[in-house]
Every structure is written in structure tokens, then in C-alpha cells.
N, C-alpha and C. Protein backbone atom coordinates (compact mmCIF):
# COMPACT_ATOMS: atom_id res chain seq x y z
N MET A 1 118.32 125.42 82.83
CA MET A 1 118.12 124.24 83.98
C MET A 1 117.39 124.71 85.31
N ASP A 2 116.72 124.11 85.51
CA ASP A 2 115.70 124.31 87.27
C ASP A 2 116.70 124.93 88.10
N SER A 3 116.38 125.02 89.57
CA SER A 3 116.90 125.32 90.42
C SER A 3 117.09 124.24 91.44
N ILE A 4 118.48 123.42 92.09
CA ILE A 4 118.38 122.59 92.36
C ILE A 4 116.98 122.43 93.69
N ASP A 5 116.77 123.18 94.20
CA ASP A 5 115.48 123.23 95.32
C ASP A 5 114.31 122.60 94.19
N GLU A 6 114.35 123.79 92.95
CA GLU A 6 112.94 123.19 92.33
C GLU A 6 113.40 121.66 91.49
N ILE A 7 114.76 120.95 91.44
CA ILE A 7 114.84 119.46 90.98
C ILE A 7 114.64 118.58 92.56
N TYR A 8 115.14 119.23 93.62
CA TYR A 8 114.81 118.38 94.55
C TYR A 8 112.88 118.02 95.13
N ARG A 9 112.39 119.49 95.23
CA ARG A 9 111.53 119.18 95.04
C ARG A 9 110.40 118.19 94.26
N ARG A 10 110.86 118.61 93.08
CA ARG A 10 110.13 117.44 91.49
C ARG A 10 110.64 116.09 91.70
N TYR A 11 111.99 115.77 92.27
CA TYR A 11 112.42 114.44 91.94
C TYR A 11 112.62 113.85 93.65
N ALA A 12 112.73 114.59 94.48
CA ALA A 12 113.36 113.76 95.64
C ALA A 12 112.26 112.13 95.99
N SER A 13 111.21 112.40 95.96
CA SER A 13 110.04 111.13 96.00
C SER A 13 110.57 110.17 95.01
N LEU A 14 110.82 110.50 93.93
CA LEU A 14 110.67 109.53 92.78
C LEU A 14 112.40 108.60 93.13
N ILE A 15 113.12 109.15 93.85
CA ILE A 15 114.62 108.77 94.03
C ILE A 15 114.37 107.70 95.20
N LYS A 16 113.34 108.29 96.27
CA LYS A 16 113.15 107.30 97.50
C LYS A 16 112.52 106.34 97.04
N ARG A 17 111.43 106.31 95.91
CA ARG A 17 110.65 105.32 95.97
C ARG A 17 111.27 104.49 94.63
N TYR A 18 112.52 104.70 94.46
CA TYR A 18 113.35 104.06 93.32
C TYR A 18 114.18 102.86 93.62
N ILE A 19 114.90 103.80 95.19
CA ILE A 19 115.84 102.88 96.09
C ILE A 19 115.21 102.00 96.51
N PHE A 20 114.05 102.15 97.17
CA PHE A 20 113.00 101.59 98.38
C PHE A 20 112.65 100.45 97.31
N SER A 21 112.29 100.42 96.07
CA SER A 21 111.58 99.41 95.24
C SER A 21 112.85 98.07 95.26
N ILE A 22 114.42 98.87 95.16
CA ILE A 22 115.21 97.86 95.21
C ILE A 22 115.47 97.39 96.70
N THR A 23 115.96 97.76 97.76
CA THR A 23 116.28 97.79 98.89
C THR A 23 114.75 97.31 99.49
N ARG A 24 113.52 97.70 99.35
CA ARG A 24 112.53 97.61 100.62
C ARG A 24 112.85 98.13 101.77
N ASP A 25 113.89 98.79 101.81
CA ASP A 25 114.33 99.76 103.46
C ASP A 25 113.72 101.26 103.20
N LYS A 26 112.73 101.51 104.12
CA LYS A 26 112.62 103.02 103.88
C LYS A 26 113.65 104.11 104.21
N ASN A 27 114.17 103.42 105.63
CA ASN A 27 115.42 104.54 105.98
C ASN A 27 116.17 104.37 105.24
N LEU A 28 117.13 103.54 104.51
CA LEU A 28 118.35 103.61 103.30
C LEU A 28 117.78 104.28 102.49
N ALA A 29 116.36 104.04 102.01
CA ALA A 29 115.92 104.96 100.80
C ALA A 29 116.31 106.47 101.35
N GLU A 30 115.69 106.57 102.09
CA GLU A 30 115.97 108.11 102.85
C GLU A 30 116.97 108.35 102.67
N GLU A 31 118.03 107.68 103.19
CA GLU A 31 119.32 107.85 103.04
C GLU A 31 120.16 108.14 101.87
N ILE A 32 120.33 107.30 101.56
CA ILE A 32 120.47 107.25 99.73
C ILE A 32 120.30 108.37 99.12
N MET A 33 118.75 108.72 99.14
CA MET A 33 118.02 110.15 98.30
C MET A 33 118.53 110.92 98.65
N GLN A 34 118.90 111.36 100.00
CA GLN A 34 119.78 112.66 100.40
C GLN A 34 121.25 112.37 99.91
N GLU A 35 121.73 111.41 100.15
CA GLU A 35 123.24 111.44 99.66
C GLU A 35 123.28 111.79 98.13
N THR A 36 122.55 111.35 97.39
CA THR A 36 122.35 111.77 95.69
C THR A 36 121.98 113.09 95.61
N PHE A 37 121.32 113.90 96.57
CA PHE A 37 121.69 115.48 96.03
C PHE A 37 122.38 115.99 96.52
N VAL A 38 123.40 115.42 97.61
CA VAL A 38 124.86 115.82 97.97
C VAL A 38 125.40 116.02 96.88
N VAL A 39 125.36 114.86 96.32
CA VAL A 39 126.46 114.28 95.11
C VAL A 39 126.27 115.06 93.86
N ALA A 40 124.64 115.22 93.64
CA ALA A 40 124.02 115.88 92.52
C ALA A 40 124.48 117.69 92.77
N ILE A 41 124.48 117.97 93.79
CA ILE A 41 124.91 119.45 94.12
C ILE A 41 126.53 119.73 93.57
N ASN A 42 127.05 118.70 94.13
CA ASN A 42 128.68 118.39 93.96
C ASN A 42 128.96 118.86 92.49
N GLN A 43 128.13 117.84 91.94
CA GLN A 43 128.44 117.25 90.31
C GLN A 43 127.50 117.99 89.78
N ILE A 44 126.97 119.01 89.62
CA ILE A 44 125.90 119.56 88.69
C ILE A 44 126.49 119.94 87.56
N HIS A 45 127.90 120.89 87.66
CA HIS A 45 128.92 121.15 86.92
C HIS A 45 129.20 120.24 85.58
N LYS A 46 129.22 119.39 86.43
CA LYS A 46 129.45 117.75 85.04
C LYS A 46 128.29 117.47 84.00
N PHE A 47 126.98 117.67 84.65
CA PHE A 47 125.90 117.12 84.11
C PHE A 47 125.69 117.73 82.52
N ARG A 48 126.14 117.13 81.74
CA ARG A 48 126.22 117.50 80.28
C ARG A 48 124.83 117.82 79.72
N GLY A 49 123.72 117.26 80.17
CA GLY A 49 122.55 117.24 79.83
C GLY A 49 121.97 116.16 78.47
N ASP A 50 122.95 114.93 78.20
CA ASP A 50 122.40 114.19 77.53
C ASP A 50 121.44 113.09 77.99
N CYS A 51 121.10 113.26 79.13
CA CYS A 51 119.77 112.50 79.49
C CYS A 51 119.19 113.52 80.15
N GLU A 52 118.16 113.00 80.75
CA GLU A 52 116.80 113.28 81.35
C GLU A 52 117.31 113.78 83.15
N ILE A 53 117.24 114.69 83.53
CA ILE A 53 117.40 114.68 84.95
C ILE A 53 117.16 113.61 86.10
N PRO A 54 116.11 113.18 85.80
CA PRO A 54 115.59 111.95 86.79
C PRO A 54 116.79 110.42 86.23
N ALA A 55 116.74 110.44 85.22
CA ALA A 55 117.93 109.19 84.78
C ALA A 55 119.33 109.81 85.47
N TRP A 56 119.52 110.97 85.04
CA TRP A 56 121.00 111.11 86.00
C TRP A 56 121.01 111.01 87.65
N LEU A 57 119.71 111.28 88.04
CA LEU A 57 120.03 111.07 89.64
C LEU A 57 119.60 109.73 90.25
N CYS A 58 118.84 109.18 89.46
CA CYS A 58 118.75 108.00 89.41
C CYS A 58 120.04 106.85 89.33
N SER A 59 120.55 107.31 88.45
CA SER A 59 121.87 106.39 88.37
C SER A 59 123.22 106.92 89.59
N ILE A 60 122.97 108.30 89.76
CA ILE A 60 123.18 108.47 91.18
C ILE A 60 123.36 107.59 92.29
N ALA A 61 121.93 107.50 92.23
CA ALA A 61 121.14 107.05 93.23
C ALA A 61 122.03 105.66 93.39
N LYS A 62 121.97 104.62 92.33
CA LYS A 62 122.22 103.43 92.18
C LYS A 62 123.77 102.86 92.76
N LYS A 63 124.58 104.16 91.91
CA LYS A 63 125.96 104.01 92.44
C LYS A 63 126.01 104.00 93.65
N ILE A 64 125.41 104.98 94.44
CA ILE A 64 125.91 105.35 96.26
C ILE A 64 125.48 104.16 96.87
N LEU A 65 124.13 103.06 96.23
CA LEU A 65 123.51 102.31 96.79
C LEU A 65 124.42 101.47 96.76
N TYR A 66 125.14 100.77 95.77
CA TYR A 66 125.70 99.48 95.42
C TYR A 66 127.17 99.84 96.17
N LYS A 67 127.74 101.29 96.38
CA LYS A 67 128.71 101.15 97.07
C LYS A 67 128.75 101.09 98.25
N GLN A 68 127.41 101.39 98.93
CA GLN A 68 127.16 101.48 100.19
C GLN A 68 127.04 100.09 100.81
N THR A 69 126.32 99.36 99.62
CA THR A 69 125.98 97.94 99.86
C THR A 69 127.82 97.23 100.31
N LYS A 70 128.16 97.19 98.99
CA LYS A 70 129.58 96.63 99.09
C LYS A 70 130.43 97.19 100.19
N LYS A 71 130.01 97.80 100.87
CA LYS A 71 131.04 98.57 101.97
C LYS A 71 130.93 98.16 103.00
N ASP A 72 129.29 97.93 103.60
CA ASP A 72 128.99 97.73 104.44
C ASP A 72 128.39 96.34 104.49
N ASN A 73 128.05 95.72 103.12
CA ASN A 73 127.52 94.04 103.35
C ASN A 73 126.28 94.02 104.16
N ILE A 74 125.25 94.63 103.96
CA ILE A 74 123.91 94.86 104.23
C ILE A 74 123.51 93.21 104.12
N LYS A 75 122.93 93.11 105.47
CA LYS A 75 122.18 91.83 105.38
C LYS A 75 121.12 92.03 105.97
N ASN A 76 119.72 91.22 105.77
CA ASN A 76 118.86 91.26 106.72
C ASN A 76 118.79 90.09 107.77
N ILE A 77 118.80 90.66 109.04
CA ILE A 77 119.21 89.62 110.20
C ILE A 77 117.89 90.46 110.89
N ILE A 78 116.85 89.39 111.17
CA ILE A 78 115.95 89.36 112.24
C ILE A 78 116.43 88.66 113.58
N SER A 79 116.14 89.29 114.77
CA SER A 79 116.08 88.76 115.93
C SER A 79 115.28 87.50 116.18
N ILE A 80 115.56 86.46 117.06
CA ILE A 80 114.78 85.51 117.23
C ILE A 80 113.68 86.39 118.43
N ASP A 81 113.74 86.88 118.95
CA ASP A 81 112.97 88.17 119.91
C ASP A 81 111.75 88.75 119.05
N GLU A 82 112.02 89.11 117.71
CA GLU A 82 111.32 89.66 117.03
C GLU A 82 110.24 89.23 116.69
N VAL A 83 110.39 87.40 116.61
CA VAL A 83 109.53 86.51 115.60
C VAL A 83 108.49 86.37 116.68
N GLU A 84 107.21 86.13 116.11
CA GLU A 84 106.18 86.11 117.01
C GLU A 84 105.52 84.70 116.08
N LEU A 85 104.85 83.79 117.10
CA LEU A 85 104.17 82.76 116.36
C LEU A 85 102.87 83.20 116.19
N GLU A 86 102.41 82.75 114.75
CA GLU A 86 101.27 83.02 113.94
C GLU A 86 100.62 82.03 113.97
N ASP A 87 99.12 82.32 113.45
CA ASP A 87 98.37 81.31 113.17
C ASP A 87 98.67 80.39 111.83
N SER A 88 98.52 79.08 111.87
CA SER A 88 99.33 78.41 111.06
C SER A 88 98.63 78.70 109.69
N THR A 89 97.61 78.63 109.54
CA THR A 89 97.43 78.92 108.30
C THR A 89 97.67 80.39 107.30
N GLN A 90 97.65 81.27 108.33
CA GLN A 90 98.50 82.49 107.99
C GLN A 90 99.96 82.29 107.20
N LEU A 91 100.67 81.29 108.43
CA LEU A 91 101.94 81.30 107.80
C LEU A 91 101.70 80.35 107.18
N GLU A 92 101.06 79.74 106.02
CA GLU A 92 100.90 78.70 105.29
C GLU A 92 100.93 79.59 103.85
N GLU A 93 99.97 80.94 104.14
CA GLU A 93 99.46 81.56 103.08
C GLU A 93 100.72 82.23 102.73
N GLU A 94 101.35 82.43 103.70
CA GLU A 94 102.73 83.89 103.42
C GLU A 94 103.77 82.97 102.99
N TYR A 95 104.28 81.38 103.50
CA TYR A 95 105.05 80.61 102.53
C TYR A 95 104.25 80.52 101.25
N ILE A 96 103.43 80.60 101.01
CA ILE A 96 103.34 80.39 99.43
C ILE A 96 103.32 81.70 98.85
N GLN A 97 103.02 82.50 99.23
CA GLN A 97 103.13 84.06 98.55
C GLN A 97 104.61 84.60 98.67
N TYR A 98 105.60 83.83 99.71
CA TYR A 98 107.16 84.23 99.58
C TYR A 98 107.63 83.46 98.53
N ASP A 99 107.03 82.10 98.31
CA ASP A 99 107.51 80.93 97.51
C ASP A 99 107.17 81.44 95.86
N ILE A 100 106.08 82.38 95.73
CA ILE A 100 105.70 83.08 94.35
C ILE A 100 106.86 84.09 94.05
N LYS A 101 107.11 84.90 95.27
CA LYS A 101 107.91 85.77 94.57
C LYS A 101 109.25 85.36 94.78
N LEU A 102 109.99 84.42 95.51
CA LEU A 102 110.87 83.83 95.18
C LEU A 102 111.25 82.96 93.75
N LYS A 103 110.81 82.51 93.22
CA LYS A 103 110.19 82.10 91.94
C LYS A 103 110.55 83.29 90.63
N LEU A 104 109.36 84.07 91.19
CA LEU A 104 109.50 85.70 90.25
C LEU A 104 111.06 86.03 90.23
N TYR A 105 111.23 86.05 91.29
CA TYR A 105 112.79 87.23 91.79
C TYR A 105 113.39 86.29 90.81
N LYS A 106 113.87 84.78 90.93
CA LYS A 106 114.60 84.10 90.00
C LYS A 106 114.48 84.10 88.86
N ALA A 107 113.48 84.09 88.44
CA ALA A 107 113.11 84.08 86.59
C ALA A 107 113.70 85.36 86.32
N LEU A 108 113.43 86.50 86.99
CA LEU A 108 113.61 87.97 87.08
C LEU A 108 115.45 88.11 86.94
N GLN A 109 115.96 87.38 87.35
CA GLN A 109 117.27 87.27 87.27
C GLN A 109 117.71 86.91 85.47
N GLY A 110 117.20 86.19 84.67
CA GLY A 110 117.38 85.60 83.78
C GLY A 110 117.00 86.49 82.98
N PHE A 111 116.45 87.87 82.84
CA PHE A 111 115.68 88.77 82.43
C PHE A 111 117.26 89.38 81.86
N ASP A 112 116.70 90.10 80.61
CA ASP A 112 117.81 91.20 80.56
C ASP A 112 117.66 92.30 81.55
N VAL A 113 118.65 93.21 81.72
CA VAL A 113 118.86 94.49 82.63
C VAL A 113 117.61 95.31 82.44
N ASN A 114 117.58 95.65 81.38
CA ASN A 114 116.53 96.91 81.27
C ASN A 114 115.18 95.91 81.61
N THR A 115 114.98 94.91 81.27
CA THR A 115 113.40 94.32 81.29
C THR A 115 113.34 94.02 83.42
N ARG A 116 114.63 93.68 83.68
CA ARG A 116 114.30 93.13 85.04
C ARG A 116 113.77 94.41 85.54
N GLU A 117 114.88 95.89 85.65
CA GLU A 117 114.56 96.65 86.30
C GLU A 117 113.43 97.70 86.23
N VAL A 118 112.75 97.22 84.60
CA VAL A 118 111.22 97.90 84.60
C VAL A 118 110.47 97.41 85.44
N MET A 119 110.48 95.39 85.60
CA MET A 119 109.74 94.88 86.23
C MET A 119 109.70 94.78 87.54
N TYR A 120 110.72 95.23 87.79
CA TYR A 120 111.01 95.90 89.67
C TYR A 120 110.61 97.06 89.73
N LEU A 121 110.79 97.95 89.22
CA LEU A 121 110.39 99.15 89.51
C LEU A 121 108.66 99.22 89.48
N ARG A 122 107.92 98.88 88.51
CA ARG A 122 106.79 98.48 88.12
C ARG A 122 106.18 97.80 89.10
N LEU A 123 106.34 96.74 89.80
CA LEU A 123 106.08 95.57 90.49
C LEU A 123 106.33 96.33 91.83
N LEU A 124 107.24 96.73 91.98
CA LEU A 124 107.96 96.64 93.86
C LEU A 124 107.41 98.48 94.06
N GLY A 125 107.92 99.00 93.18
CA GLY A 125 108.32 100.58 93.22
C GLY A 125 107.06 101.29 93.02
N ASP A 126 105.91 100.60 92.52
CA ASP A 126 104.82 101.32 92.38
C ASP A 126 104.83 102.60 91.57
N PHE A 127 105.98 102.67 90.18
CA PHE A 127 106.23 103.68 89.10
C PHE A 127 105.24 103.66 88.39
N THR A 128 105.18 104.93 87.52
CA THR A 128 104.49 105.15 86.25
C THR A 128 104.70 104.36 85.43
N PHE A 129 104.04 104.18 84.25
CA PHE A 129 105.11 103.90 82.91
C PHE A 129 106.20 105.03 82.80
N LYS A 130 104.92 106.20 82.81
CA LYS A 130 106.18 107.29 82.53
C LYS A 130 106.98 107.79 83.20
N GLU A 131 106.82 107.49 84.34
CA GLU A 131 108.61 107.96 85.58
C GLU A 131 109.31 106.51 85.20
N ILE A 132 109.20 105.67 85.17
CA ILE A 132 109.85 104.13 84.27
C ILE A 132 110.67 104.99 82.89
N GLY A 133 109.95 105.15 82.04
CA GLY A 133 110.65 105.81 81.01
C GLY A 133 111.42 106.81 81.18
N SER A 134 111.13 107.90 81.85
CA SER A 134 112.05 109.06 81.77
C SER A 134 113.31 108.61 82.72
N ILE A 135 113.18 107.51 83.76
CA ILE A 135 114.28 107.03 84.60
C ILE A 135 115.45 106.34 83.50
N PHE A 136 114.59 105.89 82.65
CA PHE A 136 115.47 104.92 81.26
C PHE A 136 116.03 105.84 80.04
N ASN A 137 115.34 107.08 80.12
CA ASN A 137 115.71 108.26 79.52
C ASN A 137 114.67 107.27 78.22
N LYS A 138 113.60 107.09 78.23
CA LYS A 138 113.10 106.26 77.34
C LYS A 138 111.49 106.76 76.95
N SER A 139 111.09 106.73 76.36
CA SER A 139 109.37 106.64 76.52
C SER A 139 108.76 106.10 76.78
N GLU A 140 107.47 106.65 77.52
CA GLU A 140 106.69 105.81 78.11
C GLU A 140 106.27 104.26 78.01
N ASN A 141 105.86 104.71 76.57
CA ASN A 141 105.29 103.05 75.54
C ASN A 141 107.07 102.57 75.64
N TRP A 142 107.93 103.23 75.71
CA TRP A 142 108.96 101.91 75.57
C TRP A 142 108.88 101.03 77.06
N ALA A 143 108.43 101.83 78.39
CA ALA A 143 108.58 101.39 79.70
C ALA A 143 106.92 100.28 79.33
N LYS A 144 106.02 100.82 78.56
CA LYS A 144 104.97 99.98 78.65
C LYS A 144 105.35 98.35 78.03
N VAL A 145 105.99 98.21 76.96
CA VAL A 145 106.40 97.63 75.79
C VAL A 145 107.37 96.34 76.60
N THR A 146 108.30 97.22 77.21
CA THR A 146 109.13 96.24 78.01
C THR A 146 108.56 95.27 79.18
N PHE A 147 107.92 96.58 79.68
CA PHE A 147 107.21 95.29 80.64
C PHE A 147 106.04 94.42 80.50
N PHE A 148 105.53 94.73 79.49
CA PHE A 148 104.16 93.49 78.68
C PHE A 148 105.22 92.54 78.17
N ARG A 149 105.97 92.80 77.61
CA ARG A 149 107.14 91.27 77.23
C ARG A 149 107.60 90.63 77.87
N GLY A 150 108.15 91.26 79.51
CA GLY A 150 108.62 90.62 80.47
C GLY A 150 107.12 90.19 81.19
N LYS A 151 106.23 90.41 81.42
CA LYS A 151 105.03 90.00 81.78
C LYS A 151 104.58 88.38 80.57
N GLN A 152 104.77 88.44 79.67
CA GLN A 152 104.51 87.61 78.54
C GLN A 152 105.65 86.42 79.03
N LYS A 153 106.57 86.55 79.05
CA LYS A 153 107.65 85.43 78.84
C LYS A 153 107.83 85.07 80.36
N ILE A 154 107.12 85.67 81.70
CA ILE A 154 106.30 84.94 82.80
C ILE A 154 105.64 83.98 82.80
N GLN A 155 104.39 84.45 81.93
CA GLN A 155 103.37 83.60 81.59
C GLN A 155 103.83 82.34 81.01
N LYS A 156 104.57 82.63 79.76
CA LYS A 156 104.99 81.43 78.80
C LYS A 156 105.38 80.74 79.57
N GLU A 157 106.54 80.91 80.57
CA GLU A 157 107.10 79.75 81.08
C GLU A 157 106.40 79.06 82.02
N ASN A 158 105.31 79.90 82.81
CA ASN A 158 104.90 79.36 83.81
C ASN A 158 105.63 79.16 85.08
N ILE A 159 106.26 80.52 85.16
CA ILE A 159 107.23 81.07 86.11
C ILE A 159 106.25 80.77 87.80
N ILE A 160 104.96 81.63 87.96
CA ILE A 160 104.32 81.47 88.61
C ILE A 160 102.62 81.52 88.36
């Protein structure tokens, strides 16, 4: 097995992107990534090797995120002082984009967990199919097929 320094160098950005793809919060993603490696260092003796290291790290990160989200009950609150009035055509375009995203996210909730996460990682996290396969301890081809089937389902149901 690689040293923890090598594991950190190799997978830190992957973990950060994974969490960012879920939260869309750079600071939280950085924090969770750091906590993930603290837990990994403390739990390395429990790593059985029955999955790839990135999959193990992503599962740790996801557990930390869920635990922290549940504990903090994180909500996105924007102060009225932060909101600036913009050109109405730009606001209309942003609303249309928001509406499309909302429909997509709602539709993805009806997908099985693996397809939903593959879609999120690919669309929001800009992960490669190889990285996605590694996260799930599956092949690159599995990630491509899962994404393609999800995309087909979206097109078939005229979701967006």
C-alpha cells in the first residue's frame, strides 16, 4: 500500500471534487476532504482492501458530510443585502436555467442511487468516467453505461 502522503497527493483533489459535486460549497468541500484524511489515517488499520482506496475515501467523506449536515442542519441563506437587481432578461434566462436544473434534480431523485450519483458526479463534479468507476469500485465502462442509461431515461421522459 502507498504511504498516506502519496494517497493524499493522489486523491485529495478527487475527494474535494466529489464533495463539491454534492454540496456546491468549496469551503465545505475543503473541510470535509481534510476530515476525510484525518479519519483515514486513524482508521487505516481497518482498511481491508476489498475496494479501491478512492472508493473507501469517498465513502468516508460521504459519511462525514451526512453527519455534519445532520448535525448543523446546513441551509443556504442569502442576505437581502447580497442580492443585487440585474437586467430583467438576464434574470429571465437565469430563471429558465434554474427551472431546467430543478426539473433535472427532481427527476434524478426517482433514479436508483447509483445512477443518480453517477449523473451528479459527471454533470456537477466534472469527474471522468474512469474516476467515477473508481469511486464505485467498478469499471470505466460501467460508469459510461450507467450515465448513458440515465441520460436516455431523461430524454425518453422529456424531463428537460
